[in-house]
């Protein structure tokens, strides 16, 4: 019976289950939409050790850092983003964890930040420094950002190998610090990236000839919510034809090589596999403007984070399919071993069949795709640049729906600006 117990223990390990965070994410996004950023931060902090396990601490830092930034807590936010960047660097130096992924699923390994997520940490940290009038700290983050993106261009010929908004933002920070050559290089890279793989036109803000005699306001509007990921399962069997039950077209229309590998591994038995799909999070604000002393200027779209998220998943899907296939084959082998071990130990064919059925049922019930991501990101970033006379100015934010109707307004108070000075402001909406 020892052999039987060992096989069942391995089955439990392979099929171990996790938690569903859909409700938690919905609650946090609801607080963000209402502008209750401290409440959103509290909900995230309360989930440390629960929704955010040890292997998810990077996500804890990213999710919490973003809502603290949105809520006007730059020092607290920066502590989390600094910790996140340290974890990203540590992960890059660590040994591959793919073995556990194959045996169980992608949720068993430490979360690795997506490249578009890593790039955005430099923007958030730079703005946190600028919120505290620390231009030198912001310049450090801008240099880290362009270095990271230079590395992407050198090592990747396709997929995510640059980020137009991050390059453009870095160019602004370099300009603020007087590093005009660095600013020109980053601005050129931004232009190339916008034209290369986005449907967004490069931002083209008019700069007056007497700009040095004016103050400048750079306003960043974080809008909406990045899409979420959900786990979809499909039961696959081979019986003179490939049968897929309770699945969707994503896998049914997969590459034939994927289907053939699944068929070869299953040896005539049904296996449940899971894969991630994108689930949009609706929001209604489609445009915005910044009103300075009664003069309004519309923002323009500068970063479609939702599109980058979808492209990232598409780029990763071949690897996800490959691990899914290997995991399914291993589970089927373990299923057969479980049946044989119980049959040999008990001398009862029916108990062997029952053991296999239990294994299959538990495996099917607990098979889930990796749906982790930095979910407190906005769906898009909008921006405007306004040049104003030196002095005090009243700032009001306005947001509009797709029909142009005003659906939110926010008094951002007064700022005082000097000639030749540049001020960075940001505001988050989620309606």
Protein backbone atom coordinates (compact mmCIF):
# COMPACT_ATOMS: atom_id res chain seq x y z
CA UNK A 1 0.00 0.00 0.00
CA UNK A 2 3.00 2.33 0.35
CA UNK A 3 3.28 2.59 -3.40
CA UNK A 4 -0.40 3.43 -3.65
CA UNK A 5 -0.13 6.13 -1.01
CA UNK A 6 2.89 7.63 -2.77
CA UNK A 7 1.07 7.81 -6.08
CA UNK A 8 -1.99 9.43 -4.48
CA UNK A 9 0.24 11.95 -2.70
CA UNK A 10 1.83 12.86 -6.01
CA UNK A 11 -1.63 13.20 -7.54
CA UNK A 12 -2.64 15.65 -4.83
CA UNK A 13 0.54 17.63 -5.40
CA UNK A 14 0.00 17.77 -9.15
CA UNK A 15 -3.63 18.87 -8.79
CA UNK A 16 -3.28 21.24 -5.85
CA UNK A 17 -5.71 24.13 -6.07
CA UNK A 18 -5.46 27.86 -5.51
CA UNK A 19 -7.83 30.76 -4.92
CA UNK A 20 -10.07 32.71 -7.24
CA UNK A 21 -9.32 36.43 -7.08
CA UNK A 22 -12.10 37.70 -9.34
CA UNK A 23 -14.14 39.18 -6.48
CA UNK A 24 -11.10 40.81 -4.90
CA UNK A 25 -10.04 42.42 -8.18
CA UNK A 26 -13.58 43.64 -8.80
CA UNK A 27 -13.71 45.25 -5.34
CA UNK A 28 -10.38 47.02 -5.82
CA UNK A 29 -11.33 48.29 -9.28
CA UNK A 30 -14.62 49.56 -7.85
CA UNK A 31 -12.72 51.60 -5.25
CA UNK A 32 -10.41 52.96 -7.95
CA UNK A 33 -13.42 53.97 -10.08
CA UNK A 34 -14.85 55.82 -7.08
CA UNK A 35 -11.53 57.57 -6.39
CA UNK A 36 -11.17 55.78 -3.04
CA UNK A 37 -7.49 55.02 -3.42
CA UNK A 38 -6.77 54.58 0.28
CA UNK A 39 -9.59 52.04 0.49
CA UNK A 40 -8.17 50.24 -2.55
CA UNK A 41 -4.74 50.20 -0.91
CA UNK A 42 -6.21 48.77 2.29
CA UNK A 43 -7.93 45.97 0.40
CA UNK A 44 -4.63 45.07 -1.29
CA UNK A 45 -2.69 45.20 1.99
CA UNK A 46 -5.27 42.94 3.65
CA UNK A 47 -4.67 40.29 0.98
CA UNK A 48 -0.93 39.91 1.61
CA UNK A 49 -0.34 36.26 2.40
CA UNK A 50 -3.78 35.35 0.99
CA UNK A 51 -4.37 36.42 -2.59
CA UNK A 52 -0.72 37.52 -2.71
CA UNK A 53 1.31 34.48 -1.69
CA UNK A 54 5.09 34.46 -1.43
CA UNK A 55 5.46 33.85 -5.15
CA UNK A 56 3.13 36.80 -5.84
CA UNK A 57 4.89 39.46 -3.78
CA UNK A 58 6.04 41.28 -6.91
CA UNK A 59 2.39 41.74 -7.86
CA UNK A 60 1.62 42.91 -4.34
CA UNK A 61 4.23 45.67 -4.68
CA UNK A 62 3.03 46.65 -8.16
CA UNK A 63 -0.68 46.69 -7.34
CA UNK A 64 -0.20 48.55 -4.07
CA UNK A 65 2.38 50.98 -5.46
CA UNK A 66 0.05 52.04 -8.28
CA UNK A 67 -2.95 52.88 -6.08
CA UNK A 68 -0.74 54.69 -3.58
CA UNK A 69 0.64 56.74 -6.47
CA UNK A 70 -2.89 57.49 -7.67
CA UNK A 71 -3.88 58.47 -4.13
CA UNK A 72 -1.13 61.06 -3.71
CA UNK A 73 1.20 59.02 -1.52
CA UNK A 74 4.45 59.17 -3.55
CA UNK A 75 6.78 58.14 -0.73
CA UNK A 76 4.79 55.01 0.14
CA UNK A 77 4.32 54.24 -3.54
CA UNK A 78 8.03 54.52 -4.25
CA UNK A 79 8.89 52.06 -1.49
CA UNK A 80 6.72 49.48 -3.23
CA UNK A 81 8.04 50.21 -6.70
CA UNK A 82 11.62 50.07 -5.43
CA UNK A 83 10.85 46.65 -3.91
CA UNK A 84 9.20 45.58 -7.18
CA UNK A 85 12.25 46.55 -9.23
CA UNK A 86 14.49 44.64 -6.82
CA UNK A 87 12.31 41.54 -7.20
CA UNK A 88 12.38 41.88 -10.99
CA UNK A 89 16.19 42.04 -10.95
CA UNK A 90 16.42 39.11 -8.53
CA UNK A 91 14.14 37.01 -10.72
CA UNK A 92 16.25 37.77 -13.79
CA UNK A 93 19.29 36.40 -11.95
CA UNK A 94 17.51 33.35 -10.56
CA UNK A 95 17.53 29.81 -11.87
CA UNK A 96 14.69 28.82 -14.21
CA UNK A 97 11.59 27.47 -12.45
CA UNK A 98 10.03 25.75 -15.46
CA UNK A 99 10.13 22.23 -13.98
CA UNK A 100 7.38 22.93 -11.45
CA UNK A 101 5.38 24.65 -14.16
CA UNK A 102 5.34 21.54 -16.30
CA UNK A 103 4.40 19.23 -13.42
CA UNK A 104 1.66 21.43 -12.04
CA UNK A 105 0.81 24.71 -13.78
CA UNK A 106 2.16 28.21 -14.35
CA UNK A 107 0.72 29.34 -11.01
CA UNK A 108 3.33 27.32 -9.13
CA UNK A 109 6.21 29.63 -10.01
CA UNK A 110 7.14 33.12 -8.92
CA UNK A 111 5.46 35.82 -10.96
CA UNK A 112 7.73 37.31 -13.59
CA UNK A 113 6.87 40.86 -14.62
CA UNK A 114 5.90 41.33 -18.24
CA UNK A 115 8.25 43.60 -20.14
CA UNK A 116 5.64 46.34 -20.60
CA UNK A 117 5.03 46.20 -16.83
CA UNK A 118 8.72 46.55 -16.05
CA UNK A 119 8.99 49.59 -18.32
CA UNK A 120 6.09 51.29 -16.56
CA UNK A 121 7.72 50.93 -13.14
CA UNK A 122 10.29 53.51 -14.27
CA UNK A 123 7.52 55.95 -15.21
CA UNK A 124 5.73 55.54 -11.89
CA UNK A 125 8.92 55.95 -9.89
CA UNK A 126 10.01 58.99 -11.92
CA UNK A 127 6.65 60.66 -11.30
CA UNK A 128 6.86 59.78 -7.61
CA UNK A 129 10.19 61.61 -7.48
CA UNK A 130 8.79 64.56 -9.43
CA UNK A 131 5.86 64.74 -7.00
CA UNK A 132 8.47 65.35 -4.31
CA UNK A 133 10.46 67.85 -6.43
CA UNK A 134 13.31 65.37 -6.81
CA UNK A 135 14.37 65.79 -10.43
CA UNK A 136 17.60 63.85 -9.91
CA UNK A 137 15.68 60.79 -8.76
CA UNK A 138 13.41 61.09 -11.80
CA UNK A 139 16.44 61.32 -14.10
CA UNK A 140 17.79 58.07 -12.65
CA UNK A 141 14.53 56.33 -13.49
CA UNK A 142 14.49 57.81 -17.00
CA UNK A 143 17.99 56.46 -17.63
CA UNK A 144 16.99 53.05 -16.29
CA UNK A 145 13.99 53.08 -18.61
CA UNK A 146 15.95 53.83 -21.80
CA UNK A 147 18.64 51.32 -20.81
CA UNK A 148 15.99 48.63 -20.33
CA UNK A 149 14.39 49.45 -23.68
CA UNK A 150 17.76 49.55 -25.45
CA UNK A 151 18.34 46.03 -24.16
CA UNK A 152 14.97 44.92 -25.54
CA UNK A 153 15.82 46.25 -29.00
CA UNK A 154 19.21 44.52 -28.96
CA UNK A 155 17.90 41.15 -27.84
CA UNK A 156 14.49 40.94 -29.52
CA UNK A 157 13.76 41.34 -33.20
CA UNK A 158 10.00 41.06 -32.83
CA UNK A 159 7.28 41.42 -30.23
CA UNK A 160 7.73 43.91 -27.41
CA UNK A 161 11.14 45.46 -28.00
CA UNK A 162 10.40 49.12 -27.32
CA UNK A 163 7.80 51.30 -25.65
CA UNK A 164 6.81 54.57 -27.34
CA UNK A 165 5.24 56.28 -24.35
CA UNK A 166 8.02 55.33 -21.94
CA UNK A 167 10.58 56.70 -24.42
CA UNK A 168 8.57 59.89 -24.88
CA UNK A 169 8.17 60.37 -21.14
CA UNK A 170 11.90 59.78 -20.61
CA UNK A 171 12.63 62.46 -23.22
CA UNK A 172 10.57 64.96 -21.24
CA UNK A 173 12.44 64.16 -18.03
CA UNK A 174 15.78 64.52 -19.83
CA UNK A 175 14.64 67.91 -21.14
CA UNK A 176 13.68 68.95 -17.61
CA UNK A 177 17.18 68.09 -16.46
CA UNK A 178 18.87 69.89 -19.37
CA UNK A 179 20.14 66.69 -21.04
CA UNK A 180 19.01 67.68 -24.52
CA UNK A 181 21.06 65.11 -26.44
CA UNK A 182 19.58 62.26 -24.38
CA UNK A 183 16.14 63.83 -24.87
CA UNK A 184 16.56 63.88 -28.66
CA UNK A 185 17.60 60.22 -28.74
CA UNK A 186 14.69 59.13 -26.57
CA UNK A 187 12.27 61.27 -28.63
CA UNK A 188 13.55 59.67 -31.85
CA UNK A 189 13.13 56.21 -30.35
CA UNK A 190 9.61 57.15 -29.28
CA UNK A 191 8.72 58.30 -32.78
CA UNK A 192 10.07 55.09 -34.30
CA UNK A 193 8.17 52.98 -31.77
CA UNK A 194 4.89 54.83 -32.30
CA UNK A 195 5.20 54.36 -36.05
CA UNK A 196 6.48 50.80 -35.73
CA UNK A 197 3.88 48.89 -33.78
CA UNK A 198 1.03 51.03 -32.51
CA UNK A 199 -2.05 52.59 -34.03
CA UNK A 200 -1.45 55.70 -31.95
CA UNK A 201 -0.05 58.77 -33.74
CA UNK A 202 3.03 60.26 -32.05
CA UNK A 203 2.10 63.14 -29.74
CA UNK A 204 2.67 66.48 -31.42
CA UNK A 205 2.19 69.28 -28.91
CA UNK A 206 2.81 72.82 -30.10
CA UNK A 207 5.65 74.53 -28.26
CA UNK A 208 5.48 78.35 -28.45
CA UNK A 209 8.56 80.31 -29.47
CA UNK A 210 8.65 82.12 -26.13
CA UNK A 211 8.39 78.87 -24.14
CA UNK A 212 11.38 79.88 -22.00
CA UNK A 213 9.36 82.84 -20.71
CA UNK A 214 6.40 80.63 -19.78
CA UNK A 215 5.74 77.83 -17.37
CA UNK A 216 4.73 74.40 -18.65
CA UNK A 217 2.26 71.91 -17.20
CA UNK A 218 2.59 68.30 -18.27
CA UNK A 219 -0.59 66.51 -17.32
CA UNK A 220 -0.93 62.70 -17.36
CA UNK A 221 -4.37 61.13 -17.19
CA UNK A 222 -4.46 57.44 -16.22
CA UNK A 223 -7.78 56.19 -17.57
CA UNK A 224 -9.80 53.01 -17.15
CA UNK A 225 -8.60 49.54 -16.26
CA UNK A 226 -6.26 47.10 -17.90
CA UNK A 227 -8.10 43.93 -19.02
CA UNK A 228 -8.02 40.93 -16.71
CA UNK A 229 -7.18 37.32 -17.53
CA UNK A 230 -9.54 34.41 -16.92
CA UNK A 231 -8.89 30.69 -16.99
CA UNK A 232 -10.72 28.65 -19.60
CA UNK A 233 -10.72 24.86 -19.58
CA UNK A 234 -11.36 22.37 -22.33
CA UNK A 235 -11.80 18.60 -22.12
CA UNK A 236 -9.98 16.82 -24.91
CA UNK A 237 -10.34 13.17 -25.99
CA UNK A 238 -9.36 10.98 -28.91
CA UNK A 239 -11.88 8.57 -30.30
CA UNK A 240 -11.52 8.46 -34.08
CA UNK A 241 -11.78 12.25 -33.93
CA UNK A 242 -10.56 15.08 -31.73
CA UNK A 243 -13.39 15.96 -29.35
CA UNK A 244 -13.43 19.19 -27.38
CA UNK A 245 -16.17 19.75 -24.83
CA UNK A 246 -16.88 22.88 -22.77
CA UNK A 247 -14.14 24.76 -24.59
CA UNK A 248 -13.98 27.84 -26.75
CA UNK A 249 -12.66 28.47 -30.23
CA UNK A 250 -9.21 29.62 -29.08
CA UNK A 251 -7.97 26.04 -28.62
CA UNK A 252 -10.21 24.47 -31.22
CA UNK A 253 -8.58 26.71 -33.82
CA UNK A 254 -5.07 26.26 -32.46
CA UNK A 255 -2.13 25.23 -34.58
CA UNK A 256 -2.53 21.63 -35.83
CA UNK A 257 0.80 20.77 -34.24
CA UNK A 258 -0.70 21.61 -30.85
CA UNK A 259 -3.69 19.36 -31.46
CA UNK A 260 -1.51 16.53 -32.77
CA UNK A 261 0.74 16.68 -29.71
CA UNK A 262 -2.29 16.57 -27.44
CA UNK A 263 -3.65 13.55 -29.28
CA UNK A 264 -0.30 11.74 -29.15
CA UNK A 265 -0.02 12.26 -25.41
CA UNK A 266 -3.50 11.25 -24.40
CA UNK A 267 -3.41 7.70 -25.75
CA UNK A 268 -7.16 7.49 -26.03
CA UNK A 269 -8.12 9.16 -22.73
CA UNK A 270 -9.75 12.47 -21.87
CA UNK A 271 -7.66 15.16 -20.20
CA UNK A 272 -8.62 18.64 -18.97
CA UNK A 273 -6.32 21.53 -19.84
CA UNK A 274 -6.55 25.25 -19.12
CA UNK A 275 -5.40 28.38 -20.91
CA UNK A 276 -5.81 32.14 -20.27
CA UNK A 277 -8.19 34.44 -22.13
CA UNK A 278 -8.55 38.22 -22.00
CA UNK A 279 -11.57 39.66 -20.17
CA UNK A 280 -12.09 43.41 -20.79
CA UNK A 281 -13.00 45.59 -17.81
CA UNK A 282 -15.49 48.21 -19.08
CA UNK A 283 -15.04 51.92 -18.49
CA UNK A 284 -16.88 54.86 -20.01
CA UNK A 285 -14.50 57.81 -20.01
CA UNK A 286 -13.19 58.27 -23.54
CA UNK A 287 -11.71 61.76 -23.47
CA UNK A 288 -10.55 64.38 -21.00
CA UNK A 289 -9.29 67.93 -20.77
CA UNK A 290 -7.27 70.10 -18.45
CA UNK A 291 -8.74 73.49 -17.64
CA UNK A 292 -6.25 76.16 -16.53
CA UNK A 293 -7.86 79.43 -15.45
CA UNK A 294 -10.86 78.70 -17.66
CA UNK A 295 -8.84 77.72 -20.73
CA UNK A 296 -9.30 74.03 -21.54
CA UNK A 297 -7.08 71.78 -23.64
CA UNK A 298 -7.93 68.19 -24.53
CA UNK A 299 -5.67 65.29 -23.72
CA UNK A 300 -4.49 62.85 -26.38
CA UNK A 301 -3.96 59.12 -26.17
CA UNK A 302 -0.26 58.35 -25.70
CA UNK A 303 -0.28 54.77 -24.38
CA UNK A 304 -2.75 51.94 -24.97
CA UNK A 305 -1.74 49.64 -22.12
CA UNK A 306 -4.65 47.29 -22.84
CA UNK A 307 -3.33 46.69 -26.36
CA UNK A 308 0.17 45.99 -25.02
CA UNK A 309 -1.29 43.53 -22.52
CA UNK A 310 -3.15 41.65 -25.28
CA UNK A 311 -0.07 41.61 -27.51
CA UNK A 312 2.01 40.27 -24.64
CA UNK A 313 -0.39 37.38 -24.08
CA UNK A 314 -0.43 36.58 -27.79
CA UNK A 315 3.37 36.52 -27.80
CA UNK A 316 3.42 34.14 -24.83
CA UNK A 317 0.71 31.75 -26.05
CA UNK A 318 3.04 29.30 -27.89
CA UNK A 319 4.95 28.72 -24.65
CA UNK A 320 1.71 28.41 -22.69
CA UNK A 321 0.45 25.80 -25.18
CA UNK A 322 3.73 23.89 -24.98
CA UNK A 323 3.62 23.70 -21.18
CA UNK A 324 -0.07 22.82 -21.31
CA UNK A 325 0.68 19.87 -23.61
CA UNK A 326 3.53 18.61 -21.44
CA UNK A 327 1.42 18.95 -18.30
CA UNK A 328 -1.46 17.04 -19.87
CA UNK A 329 0.82 14.17 -20.90
CA UNK A 330 2.37 13.96 -17.44
CA UNK A 331 -1.05 13.95 -15.79
CA UNK A 332 -2.21 11.15 -18.05
CA UNK A 333 0.90 9.09 -17.24
CA UNK A 334 0.30 9.65 -13.52
CA UNK A 335 -3.34 8.72 -13.97
CA UNK A 336 -2.35 5.41 -15.56
CA UNK A 337 0.24 4.80 -12.83
CA UNK A 338 -2.36 5.48 -10.13
CA UNK A 339 -4.79 2.98 -11.64
CA UNK A 340 -2.10 0.33 -11.96
CA UNK A 341 -0.74 0.86 -8.44
CA UNK A 342 -4.18 0.58 -6.83
CA UNK A 343 -5.06 -2.42 -8.99
CA UNK A 344 -1.84 -4.23 -8.03
CA UNK A 345 -2.10 -3.38 -4.34
CA UNK A 346 -5.75 -4.31 -3.88
CA UNK A 347 -6.06 -7.01 -6.56
CA UNK A 348 -9.32 -5.25 -7.43
CA UNK A 349 -9.84 -3.97 -10.97
CA UNK A 350 -12.79 -1.81 -9.94
CA UNK A 351 -10.77 0.02 -7.30
CA UNK A 352 -8.12 0.75 -9.91
CA UNK A 353 -10.73 2.23 -12.22
CA UNK A 354 -12.17 4.26 -9.32
CA UNK A 355 -8.71 5.60 -8.44
CA UNK A 356 -8.26 6.75 -12.02
CA UNK A 357 -11.65 8.42 -12.00
CA UNK A 358 -10.85 10.27 -8.79
CA UNK A 359 -7.50 11.40 -10.17
CA UNK A 360 -9.15 12.66 -13.37
CA UNK A 361 -11.93 14.44 -11.48
CA UNK A 362 -9.55 16.23 -9.10
CA UNK A 363 -7.23 17.11 -11.98
CA UNK A 364 -10.10 18.54 -14.01
CA UNK A 365 -11.48 20.51 -11.07
CA UNK A 366 -8.16 22.15 -10.20
CA UNK A 367 -6.64 22.75 -13.63
CA UNK A 368 -6.32 26.51 -14.04
CA UNK A 369 -4.35 28.86 -16.22
CA UNK A 370 -2.06 31.55 -14.87
CA UNK A 371 -4.23 34.69 -14.75
CA UNK A 372 -1.85 36.86 -12.77
CA UNK A 373 -1.01 40.37 -13.97
CA UNK A 374 -0.52 43.91 -12.66
CA UNK A 375 -4.23 44.59 -12.54
CA UNK A 376 -4.26 48.07 -10.96
CA UNK A 377 -2.77 49.55 -14.12
CA UNK A 378 -5.01 51.85 -16.16
CA UNK A 379 -6.23 50.71 -19.54
CA UNK A 380 -4.70 53.73 -21.24
CA UNK A 381 -2.68 56.87 -20.60
CA UNK A 382 -3.70 60.26 -21.98
CA UNK A 383 -1.64 63.42 -21.83
CA UNK A 384 -1.51 67.11 -22.63
CA UNK A 385 1.08 69.86 -22.36
CA UNK A 386 0.02 73.44 -21.56
CA UNK A 387 2.18 76.58 -21.51
CA UNK A 388 1.04 79.26 -19.08
CA UNK A 389 2.32 82.63 -17.83
CA UNK A 390 4.34 82.60 -14.60
CA UNK A 391 2.23 82.83 -11.46
CA UNK A 392 -0.61 80.98 -9.75
CA UNK A 393 -3.12 79.01 -11.77
CA UNK A 394 -6.36 77.18 -10.96
CA UNK A 395 -6.43 73.64 -12.37
CA UNK A 396 -9.61 71.67 -13.14
CA UNK A 397 -9.85 68.22 -14.71
CA UNK A 398 -12.81 67.23 -16.89
CA UNK A 399 -13.70 63.80 -18.27
CA UNK A 400 -16.14 62.92 -21.05
CA UNK A 401 -17.88 59.82 -22.34
CA UNK A 402 -17.91 58.63 -25.94
CA UNK A 403 -20.69 61.07 -26.81
CA UNK A 404 -18.77 64.04 -25.46
CA UNK A 405 -20.93 64.41 -22.34
CA UNK A 406 -19.18 65.58 -19.19
CA UNK A 407 -19.26 62.76 -16.64
CA UNK A 408 -16.59 63.80 -14.15
CA UNK A 409 -14.94 67.00 -13.02
CA UNK A 410 -12.26 67.43 -10.38
CA UNK A 411 -10.80 70.57 -8.88
CA UNK A 412 -7.06 69.92 -8.69
CA UNK A 413 -6.39 73.13 -6.76
CA UNK A 414 -3.84 75.81 -7.55
CA UNK A 415 -0.24 75.58 -8.62
CA UNK A 416 2.41 78.27 -8.79
CA UNK A 417 4.84 78.10 -11.66
CA UNK A 418 7.88 80.13 -12.68
CA UNK A 419 9.13 81.13 -16.11
CA UNK A 420 10.96 78.22 -17.69
CA UNK A 421 9.66 75.82 -15.03
CA UNK A 422 7.93 72.54 -15.85
CA UNK A 423 5.35 70.95 -13.53
CA UNK A 424 4.15 67.34 -13.81
CA UNK A 425 0.60 66.50 -12.71
CA UNK A 426 -1.32 63.22 -12.89
CA UNK A 427 -4.84 62.02 -12.18
CA UNK A 428 -6.53 58.61 -12.28
CA UNK A 429 -10.07 57.73 -13.39
CA UNK A 430 -11.76 54.36 -13.58
CA UNK A 431 -15.38 55.12 -14.45
